[in-house]
Amino acid sequence: MPKIPIVSAILVIKVLSKAGYDVDHQTGSHIILRRRKYPHQRLTVPNHKEIAKGTLKAILEDAGLTVEEFTGML
């Protein structure tokens, strides 16, 4: 199992954009992304310089991506 990288919110959003998500809006320090195609699922990414490993893992699970797929899109 590959290690979960330490990345910034901006990099996570760029990768999720490649996976079909767009920035919908921002509430405080959380950026809300929305899937372009149906079903219009929403993801929340904290706007931090470093995303915690557990938080990133949860975001990837919600997006339906594996760590390998995520690192391949970096």
Protein backbone atom coordinates (compact mmCIF):
# COMPACT_ATOMS: atom_id res chain seq x y z
CA MET A 1 0.00 0.00 0.00
CA PRO A 2 1.54 3.34 -1.04
CA LYS A 3 2.10 6.10 1.44
CA ILE A 4 -0.36 8.97 1.48
CA PRO A 5 1.51 12.10 0.35
CA ILE A 6 1.44 15.36 2.26
CA VAL A 7 -0.06 17.91 -0.12
CA SER A 8 -1.67 21.35 -0.01
CA ALA A 9 -5.35 22.10 -0.58
CA ILE A 10 -4.53 23.74 -3.91
CA LEU A 11 -2.90 20.56 -5.19
CA VAL A 12 -5.80 18.41 -3.97
CA ILE A 13 -8.25 20.70 -5.80
CA LYS A 14 -6.19 20.49 -9.02
CA VAL A 15 -6.25 16.69 -8.89
CA LEU A 16 -9.97 16.56 -8.08
CA SER A 17 -10.56 18.94 -10.99
CA LYS A 18 -8.96 16.34 -13.27
CA ALA A 19 -11.28 13.75 -11.71
CA GLY A 20 -14.41 15.75 -12.65
CA TYR A 21 -14.97 18.18 -9.77
CA ASP A 22 -15.30 21.98 -9.92
CA VAL A 23 -15.04 24.53 -7.15
CA ASP A 24 -18.59 25.44 -6.14
CA HIS A 25 -17.96 27.92 -3.32
CA GLN A 26 -15.96 28.58 -0.19
CA THR A 27 -17.28 28.85 3.34
CA GLY A 28 -14.66 30.14 5.75
CA SER A 29 -11.56 27.98 5.36
CA HIS A 30 -13.36 25.13 3.57
CA ILE A 31 -13.61 24.86 -0.21
CA ILE A 32 -16.68 23.03 -1.52
CA LEU A 33 -16.28 21.11 -4.76
CA ARG A 34 -19.10 19.71 -6.88
CA ARG A 35 -19.03 16.88 -9.42
CA ARG A 36 -19.75 18.08 -12.98
CA LYS A 37 -21.81 15.06 -13.96
CA TYR A 38 -24.81 13.47 -12.28
CA PRO A 39 -24.91 12.60 -9.40
CA HIS A 40 -23.67 16.04 -8.34
CA GLN A 41 -21.74 14.91 -5.29
CA ARG A 42 -20.07 17.51 -3.08
CA LEU A 43 -16.67 17.31 -1.41
CA THR A 44 -15.23 19.58 1.24
CA VAL A 45 -11.51 20.37 1.24
CA PRO A 46 -9.99 22.42 4.08
CA ASN A 47 -7.93 25.30 2.71
CA HIS A 48 -4.67 24.45 4.50
CA LYS A 49 -1.02 24.39 3.43
CA GLU A 50 -0.84 20.73 4.44
CA ILE A 51 -3.83 18.41 4.44
CA ALA A 52 -3.70 15.82 7.23
CA LYS A 53 -3.26 12.25 6.00
CA GLY A 54 -6.52 11.03 7.52
CA THR A 55 -8.43 13.95 6.05
CA LEU A 56 -6.93 13.35 2.61
CA LYS A 57 -7.74 9.65 2.81
CA ALA A 58 -11.38 10.47 3.67
CA ILE A 59 -11.61 12.96 0.78
CA LEU A 60 -10.22 10.37 -1.65
CA GLU A 61 -12.64 7.71 -0.41
CA ASP A 62 -15.56 10.11 -0.88
CA ALA A 63 -14.33 10.93 -4.39
CA GLY A 64 -13.94 7.26 -5.25
CA LEU A 65 -10.20 7.52 -5.85
CA THR A 66 -7.43 5.30 -4.57
CA VAL A 67 -4.11 6.62 -3.31
CA GLU A 68 -2.45 5.20 -6.44
CA GLU A 69 -4.87 7.04 -8.73
CA PHE A 70 -4.38 10.25 -6.77
CA THR A 71 -0.58 10.10 -6.88
CA GLY A 72 -0.76 9.25 -10.60
CA MET A 73 -2.67 12.48 -11.25
CA LEU A 74 -0.21 14.68 -9.31
